[in-house]
């Protein structure tokens, strides 16, 4: 069997062990602790935001963002359509109702024109949840301006885009709340875990309160609100502190992978790499491509050919409006015809984007893909 090539696997550098050892040496193998406090500060400093709460998952961070936005029974929340289900599921946790918005072609993210159209139909949504898909910034200025004009909080799901920049500003910091994920396949990982960020100190303090079972400041165990076991452990946070030091290196390597694919596939007119906007610097978490519908080659052909050579690839996220669980939910698109998100899904493939990919690995992947179009 040929060497296994992964889509995007964890990459440790050794620095993580130092922080983990400190936790063991001080016997602080529990939720909270020095690593948690410092990871919050270091992450907030890196992205340029005032406050951060380290949590058990990006999904937990999204859930608390919904609560902070005041989402409750029957409230409408506008959501990116082309994303993973974890982005939108927390709306349901608070009994809100998702309305899905189509993508634009230039970055594959939420179309500001669809957002304007959604406000015309639903004038009083409780929040807008925007995703920076595959590490590529959305049209963040335009979407933020629309949300501000309607006085609706923007929740920026930057789970895939840590380190990406739009017009000189880090993603995850454009909204009222930003969310990051450190799942195993992300650009840096803690094995699991997430972070909720905001310039609103009181909101982040409230999130920490909810995340520690909403325990009141009393000698006995007293709870005036429903809480959650959402805080990050000191061990996990230690991994995160070490990984954060390697983030810029990982972005550099991911960018090189993307540019290699872009250069090598430039001679194949049916292939288009996932685009990004002028003035943006993606973190290139995953390099993706779409194949022209007129091509004899399908995305499944590419995935099967790679799979047969022990190489991992994935389909593009299936849009939320196509998911059975959301079959009754509204979907807003700008023009009639096949939605942009559906076209990307039907013609797209996520290519191996592991920072450990060698030149030989890249040659092997590219050779297999090119062979299908020969």
Protein backbone atom coordinates (compact mmCIF):
# COMPACT_ATOMS: atom_id res chain seq x y z
CA UNK A 1 0.00 0.00 0.00
CA UNK A 2 1.31 3.44 -0.93
CA UNK A 3 2.01 6.04 1.77
CA UNK A 4 -1.17 7.51 3.23
CA UNK A 5 -1.73 11.19 2.39
CA UNK A 6 -4.27 12.97 4.57
CA UNK A 7 -6.64 15.82 3.83
CA UNK A 8 -5.49 17.84 6.85
CA UNK A 9 -4.09 16.02 9.87
CA UNK A 10 -2.69 17.37 13.16
CA UNK A 11 0.94 18.50 13.11
CA UNK A 12 2.76 18.84 16.43
CA UNK A 13 6.06 20.69 16.80
CA UNK A 14 7.25 19.83 20.33
CA UNK A 15 6.50 23.16 21.97
CA UNK A 16 3.11 21.76 22.99
CA UNK A 17 4.83 19.29 25.33
CA UNK A 18 6.35 22.06 27.43
CA UNK A 19 2.96 23.50 28.35
CA UNK A 20 1.46 20.05 28.92
CA UNK A 21 4.39 19.16 31.20
CA UNK A 22 3.84 22.35 33.20
CA UNK A 23 0.22 21.28 33.76
CA UNK A 24 1.34 17.83 34.94
CA UNK A 25 4.15 19.20 37.09
CA UNK A 26 1.75 21.55 38.89
CA UNK A 27 -0.92 18.80 39.06
CA UNK A 28 -3.32 21.13 37.23
CA UNK A 29 -4.92 18.40 35.12
CA UNK A 30 -8.41 19.85 35.23
CA UNK A 31 -10.68 22.38 33.61
CA UNK A 32 -9.27 25.90 33.93
CA UNK A 33 -5.74 26.80 34.98
CA UNK A 34 -2.77 28.83 33.77
CA UNK A 35 -2.77 27.37 30.26
CA UNK A 36 -6.45 28.24 29.79
CA UNK A 37 -5.95 31.81 30.99
CA UNK A 38 -2.83 32.34 28.88
CA UNK A 39 -4.27 30.70 25.77
CA UNK A 40 -7.20 33.10 25.94
CA UNK A 41 -4.86 36.08 26.22
CA UNK A 42 -2.49 34.87 23.50
CA UNK A 43 -5.25 34.07 21.02
CA UNK A 44 -6.99 37.39 21.67
CA UNK A 45 -3.70 39.22 21.18
CA UNK A 46 -2.94 37.36 17.94
CA UNK A 47 -6.25 38.23 16.28
CA UNK A 48 -6.51 41.68 17.86
CA UNK A 49 -9.67 41.37 19.93
CA UNK A 50 -10.31 42.42 23.50
CA UNK A 51 -11.50 39.24 25.19
CA UNK A 52 -11.70 35.47 24.68
CA UNK A 53 -13.25 32.46 26.39
CA UNK A 54 -11.64 29.05 25.83
CA UNK A 55 -14.31 26.38 25.42
CA UNK A 56 -14.71 22.66 24.76
CA UNK A 57 -15.54 23.09 21.06
CA UNK A 58 -16.23 25.65 18.37
CA UNK A 59 -19.83 24.43 18.49
CA UNK A 60 -20.00 25.36 22.19
CA UNK A 61 -18.72 28.83 21.29
CA UNK A 62 -21.40 29.20 18.63
CA UNK A 63 -24.06 28.06 21.08
CA UNK A 64 -23.05 30.65 23.66
CA UNK A 65 -22.91 33.31 20.93
CA UNK A 66 -26.56 32.50 20.13
CA UNK A 67 -27.50 32.91 23.78
CA UNK A 68 -25.58 36.18 24.02
CA UNK A 69 -27.39 37.42 20.91
CA UNK A 70 -30.68 36.66 22.67
CA UNK A 71 -31.89 33.96 20.26
CA UNK A 72 -34.96 32.24 21.66
CA UNK A 73 -38.07 30.32 20.63
CA UNK A 74 -39.13 31.18 17.05
CA UNK A 75 -36.45 33.83 16.40
CA UNK A 76 -35.17 34.01 12.82
CA UNK A 77 -31.41 33.77 12.30
CA UNK A 78 -29.83 34.34 8.88
CA UNK A 79 -27.14 31.70 8.19
CA UNK A 80 -24.55 30.92 5.55
CA UNK A 81 -25.89 28.09 3.41
CA UNK A 82 -22.61 26.56 2.25
CA UNK A 83 -21.09 25.32 5.49
CA UNK A 84 -20.84 22.43 7.93
CA UNK A 85 -23.89 21.71 10.09
CA UNK A 86 -22.09 22.77 13.28
CA UNK A 87 -22.42 26.40 12.14
CA UNK A 88 -26.20 26.36 12.18
CA UNK A 89 -27.18 23.64 14.67
CA UNK A 90 -26.77 25.94 17.71
CA UNK A 91 -29.66 28.06 16.39
CA UNK A 92 -31.84 25.01 17.00
CA UNK A 93 -30.39 24.53 20.49
CA UNK A 94 -32.06 27.83 21.42
CA UNK A 95 -35.20 26.97 19.39
CA UNK A 96 -34.49 29.60 16.75
CA UNK A 97 -35.29 29.18 13.05
CA UNK A 98 -32.57 29.19 10.41
CA UNK A 99 -33.03 31.04 7.12
CA UNK A 100 -30.27 30.06 4.72
CA UNK A 101 -28.55 32.53 2.37
CA UNK A 102 -26.89 31.61 -0.90
CA UNK A 103 -23.21 32.13 -1.70
CA UNK A 104 -21.50 34.46 -4.15
CA UNK A 105 -19.02 33.17 -6.74
CA UNK A 106 -16.06 35.37 -5.74
CA UNK A 107 -15.33 33.71 -2.38
CA UNK A 108 -18.04 31.02 -2.06
CA UNK A 109 -19.31 32.81 1.07
CA UNK A 110 -22.59 34.52 2.01
CA UNK A 111 -23.76 36.89 -0.73
CA UNK A 112 -24.39 40.40 0.69
CA UNK A 113 -27.16 40.81 -1.92
CA UNK A 114 -28.89 37.73 -0.51
CA UNK A 115 -28.54 39.26 2.95
CA UNK A 116 -30.23 42.47 1.81
CA UNK A 117 -33.00 40.41 0.22
CA UNK A 118 -33.42 38.42 3.43
CA UNK A 119 -33.86 41.61 5.46
CA UNK A 120 -36.61 42.68 3.07
CA UNK A 121 -38.49 39.45 3.74
CA UNK A 122 -37.65 39.14 7.45
CA UNK A 123 -37.07 42.66 8.84
CA UNK A 124 -36.33 41.56 12.41
CA UNK A 125 -33.92 38.62 12.57
CA UNK A 126 -32.18 38.04 15.88
CA UNK A 127 -28.70 37.49 14.40
CA UNK A 128 -26.67 36.82 11.27
CA UNK A 129 -24.24 33.87 11.26
CA UNK A 130 -21.53 34.19 8.64
CA UNK A 131 -18.86 31.60 7.72
CA UNK A 132 -15.42 32.17 6.19
CA UNK A 133 -15.47 28.98 4.15
CA UNK A 134 -12.32 26.84 3.95
CA UNK A 135 -10.26 29.69 5.43
CA UNK A 136 -11.33 32.27 2.83
CA UNK A 137 -12.69 35.61 4.09
CA UNK A 138 -16.20 36.59 3.05
CA UNK A 139 -17.20 40.09 1.95
CA UNK A 140 -16.92 41.06 5.59
CA UNK A 141 -17.06 44.84 5.31
CA UNK A 142 -20.25 44.77 3.23
CA UNK A 143 -21.96 42.22 5.46
CA UNK A 144 -20.93 44.02 8.64
CA UNK A 145 -22.29 47.30 7.25
CA UNK A 146 -25.64 45.68 6.41
CA UNK A 147 -25.91 44.18 9.89
CA UNK A 148 -24.99 47.51 11.50
CA UNK A 149 -27.58 49.36 9.42
CA UNK A 150 -30.25 46.95 10.68
CA UNK A 151 -28.82 46.87 14.21
CA UNK A 152 -28.54 43.08 14.17
CA UNK A 153 -25.55 41.30 15.74
CA UNK A 154 -23.13 39.52 13.41
CA UNK A 155 -21.72 36.20 14.60
CA UNK A 156 -18.62 35.39 12.60
CA UNK A 157 -17.88 31.67 12.33
CA UNK A 158 -14.11 31.74 11.77
CA UNK A 159 -13.72 28.07 12.74
CA UNK A 160 -11.90 27.43 9.46
CA UNK A 161 -10.23 30.83 9.02
CA UNK A 162 -7.96 31.49 12.02
CA UNK A 163 -5.13 33.69 10.78
CA UNK A 164 -6.91 34.79 7.60
CA UNK A 165 -7.01 38.55 7.00
CA UNK A 166 -9.48 40.83 5.22
CA UNK A 167 -8.47 44.41 4.45
CA UNK A 168 -5.76 44.23 7.11
CA UNK A 169 -8.02 42.85 9.87
CA UNK A 170 -8.10 39.30 11.22
CA UNK A 171 -11.20 37.22 10.54
CA UNK A 172 -13.22 36.44 13.64
CA UNK A 173 -13.06 40.08 14.74
CA UNK A 174 -15.56 41.70 12.37
CA UNK A 175 -18.69 40.57 14.18
CA UNK A 176 -20.12 41.22 17.60
CA UNK A 177 -18.87 37.71 18.37
CA UNK A 178 -16.25 35.56 16.67
CA UNK A 179 -15.78 31.81 16.91
CA UNK A 180 -12.69 29.66 16.34
CA UNK A 181 -12.30 25.88 16.30
CA UNK A 182 -9.27 23.76 17.22
CA UNK A 183 -10.67 20.43 16.02
CA UNK A 184 -8.15 17.84 14.84
CA UNK A 185 -8.22 18.84 11.18
CA UNK A 186 -8.06 22.63 11.66
CA UNK A 187 -5.04 24.81 10.85
CA UNK A 188 -3.99 24.49 14.50
CA UNK A 189 -5.47 21.92 16.83
CA UNK A 190 -5.87 21.17 20.52
CA UNK A 191 -7.42 17.79 19.57
CA UNK A 192 -10.74 19.48 20.28
CA UNK A 193 -11.78 22.83 21.63
CA UNK A 194 -12.87 26.27 20.54
CA UNK A 195 -12.75 29.95 21.43
CA UNK A 196 -15.38 32.66 21.65
CA UNK A 197 -14.02 36.19 21.16
CA UNK A 198 -15.47 39.68 21.44
CA UNK A 199 -14.58 43.23 22.39
CA UNK A 200 -17.51 43.06 24.81
CA UNK A 201 -15.91 42.17 28.15
CA UNK A 202 -19.22 41.64 29.94
CA UNK A 203 -20.44 39.25 27.23
CA UNK A 204 -17.33 37.10 27.43
CA UNK A 205 -17.55 37.03 31.22
CA UNK A 206 -21.18 35.90 30.89
CA UNK A 207 -20.10 33.17 28.46
CA UNK A 208 -17.53 31.91 30.98
CA UNK A 209 -20.24 31.85 33.64
CA UNK A 210 -22.61 29.81 31.48
CA UNK A 211 -19.74 27.53 30.42
CA UNK A 212 -19.00 26.59 34.05
CA UNK A 213 -22.54 25.38 34.83
CA UNK A 214 -23.76 28.89 35.75
CA UNK A 215 -22.58 28.44 39.29
CA UNK A 216 -23.53 31.45 41.40
CA UNK A 217 -20.86 33.07 43.63
CA UNK A 218 -22.14 31.38 46.78
CA UNK A 219 -20.41 29.08 49.29
CA UNK A 220 -22.86 26.31 48.50
CA UNK A 221 -23.73 25.06 45.01
CA UNK A 222 -26.36 27.47 43.76
CA UNK A 223 -27.63 28.02 40.22
CA UNK A 224 -29.98 30.78 39.09
CA UNK A 225 -29.58 29.97 35.38
CA UNK A 226 -29.12 26.87 33.26
CA UNK A 227 -25.44 26.29 32.56
CA UNK A 228 -23.17 24.01 30.52
CA UNK A 229 -19.96 22.06 30.95
CA UNK A 230 -18.24 23.95 28.13
CA UNK A 231 -14.89 25.13 29.54
CA UNK A 232 -11.59 24.02 27.98
CA UNK A 233 -9.25 21.83 30.02
CA UNK A 234 -5.80 22.99 31.09
CA UNK A 235 -4.15 20.14 29.16
CA UNK A 236 -5.98 20.96 25.94
CA UNK A 237 -5.16 24.65 26.33
CA UNK A 238 -1.48 23.75 26.72
CA UNK A 239 -1.55 22.08 23.31
CA UNK A 240 -3.21 25.20 21.93
CA UNK A 241 -0.52 27.51 23.29
CA UNK A 242 2.18 25.47 21.60
CA UNK A 243 0.21 25.22 18.35
CA UNK A 244 -0.44 28.96 18.22
CA UNK A 245 3.30 29.53 17.91
CA UNK A 246 3.23 27.47 14.68
CA UNK A 247 0.17 29.13 13.13
CA UNK A 248 2.08 31.46 10.81
CA UNK A 249 4.23 28.54 9.63
CA UNK A 250 1.13 26.46 8.94
CA UNK A 251 -0.43 29.30 6.93
CA UNK A 252 2.77 29.62 4.90
CA UNK A 253 2.79 25.90 4.13
CA UNK A 254 -0.94 25.82 3.31
CA UNK A 255 -0.49 28.76 0.94
CA UNK A 256 2.36 26.97 -0.84
CA UNK A 257 0.14 23.92 -1.31
CA UNK A 258 -2.65 26.05 -2.81
CA UNK A 259 -0.26 27.86 -5.14
CA UNK A 260 1.23 24.56 -6.30
CA UNK A 261 -2.21 23.23 -7.22
CA UNK A 262 -3.09 26.52 -8.89
CA UNK A 263 0.07 26.49 -11.01
CA UNK A 264 -0.12 22.82 -11.97
CA UNK A 265 -3.82 22.88 -12.88
CA UNK A 266 -3.62 26.16 -14.82
CA UNK A 267 -3.27 24.20 -18.06
CA UNK A 268 -6.56 22.35 -17.48
CA UNK A 269 -9.41 24.70 -18.43
CA UNK A 270 -12.06 22.58 -16.69
CA UNK A 271 -10.46 23.12 -13.25
CA UNK A 272 -10.87 26.23 -11.12
CA UNK A 273 -9.34 26.57 -7.68
CA UNK A 274 -11.42 28.03 -4.84
CA UNK A 275 -11.27 31.81 -5.33
CA UNK A 276 -10.57 34.59 -2.87
CA UNK A 277 -11.27 38.30 -2.85
CA UNK A 278 -8.86 41.15 -3.63
CA UNK A 279 -7.64 42.62 -0.36
CA UNK A 280 -7.96 39.29 1.45
CA UNK A 281 -5.31 36.86 2.64
CA UNK A 282 -6.86 33.43 3.28
CA UNK A 283 -5.21 30.94 5.60
CA UNK A 284 -5.67 28.37 2.79
CA UNK A 285 -6.89 25.77 5.31
CA UNK A 286 -8.21 23.57 2.50
CA UNK A 287 -7.36 23.85 -1.18
CA UNK A 288 -10.47 23.07 -3.19
CA UNK A 289 -11.32 22.92 -6.86
CA UNK A 290 -14.42 22.89 -8.99
CA UNK A 291 -14.75 21.05 -12.28
CA UNK A 292 -16.65 22.48 -15.23
CA UNK A 293 -20.02 20.71 -15.69
CA UNK A 294 -19.16 20.04 -19.33
CA UNK A 295 -16.06 18.06 -18.37
CA UNK A 296 -15.98 14.30 -18.82
CA UNK A 297 -14.43 14.12 -15.33
CA UNK A 298 -16.64 14.35 -12.24
CA UNK A 299 -15.69 15.20 -8.65
CA UNK A 300 -16.46 11.58 -7.73
CA UNK A 301 -13.95 10.42 -10.36
CA UNK A 302 -11.26 12.52 -8.68
CA UNK A 303 -12.10 11.33 -5.17
CA UNK A 304 -12.22 7.66 -6.19
CA UNK A 305 -8.93 7.90 -8.13
CA UNK A 306 -7.20 9.44 -5.11
CA UNK A 307 -8.81 6.98 -2.70
CA UNK A 308 -7.50 4.05 -4.74
CA UNK A 309 -3.98 5.40 -4.16
CA UNK A 310 -4.50 5.81 -0.40
CA UNK A 311 -4.99 9.58 -0.65
CA UNK A 312 -7.73 11.33 1.31
CA UNK A 313 -10.00 13.94 -0.28
CA UNK A 314 -13.51 15.13 0.50
CA UNK A 315 -16.62 16.54 -1.16
CA UNK A 316 -17.48 20.20 -0.68
CA UNK A 317 -19.92 20.76 2.19
CA UNK A 318 -23.47 19.90 1.20
CA UNK A 319 -25.51 23.14 1.48
CA UNK A 320 -27.75 23.43 4.50
CA UNK A 321 -30.90 24.06 2.47
CA UNK A 322 -30.38 20.60 0.90
CA UNK A 323 -30.12 18.82 4.25
CA UNK A 324 -33.14 16.66 5.20
CA UNK A 325 -33.20 18.08 8.73
CA UNK A 326 -33.74 21.60 7.33
CA UNK A 327 -36.08 20.69 4.47
CA UNK A 328 -38.81 23.05 5.65
CA UNK A 329 -36.56 26.07 6.17
CA UNK A 330 -36.48 29.10 3.89
CA UNK A 331 -33.63 29.70 1.47
CA UNK A 332 -32.76 33.06 -0.08
CA UNK A 333 -30.93 33.39 -3.38
CA UNK A 334 -30.29 36.44 -5.55
CA UNK A 335 -31.34 35.08 -8.94
CA UNK A 336 -33.49 32.26 -10.21
CA UNK A 337 -31.92 29.01 -11.36
CA UNK A 338 -29.55 26.61 -9.65
CA UNK A 339 -28.20 28.26 -6.48
CA UNK A 340 -24.50 29.12 -6.37
CA UNK A 341 -24.02 26.93 -3.29
CA UNK A 342 -25.50 23.91 -5.08
CA UNK A 343 -23.28 24.41 -8.12
CA UNK A 344 -20.17 24.55 -5.95
CA UNK A 345 -21.25 21.46 -4.02
CA UNK A 346 -22.03 19.45 -7.14
CA UNK A 347 -18.77 20.32 -8.91
CA UNK A 348 -16.32 20.63 -6.00
CA UNK A 349 -13.58 18.59 -4.33
CA UNK A 350 -11.45 19.33 -1.26
CA UNK A 351 -7.88 18.35 -2.11
CA UNK A 352 -5.21 17.05 0.29
CA UNK A 353 -3.92 20.12 2.14
CA UNK A 354 -1.79 18.69 4.94
CA UNK A 355 1.14 20.89 6.01
CA UNK A 356 3.29 17.73 6.07
CA UNK A 357 2.83 17.16 2.33
CA UNK A 358 6.21 16.80 0.66
CA UNK A 359 7.08 17.74 -2.92
CA UNK A 360 6.80 14.06 -3.76
CA UNK A 361 3.35 13.89 -2.16
CA UNK A 362 2.18 16.87 -4.19
CA UNK A 363 3.58 15.38 -7.41
CA UNK A 364 1.73 12.14 -6.69
CA UNK A 365 -1.61 13.89 -6.03
CA UNK A 366 -1.31 16.21 -9.03
CA UNK A 367 -0.24 13.39 -11.33
CA UNK A 368 -3.34 11.35 -10.47
CA UNK A 369 -5.68 14.33 -11.04
CA UNK A 370 -4.00 15.37 -14.30
CA UNK A 371 -4.18 11.79 -15.53
CA UNK A 372 -7.98 11.91 -15.40
CA UNK A 373 -8.08 14.91 -17.76
CA UNK A 374 -5.53 13.55 -20.23
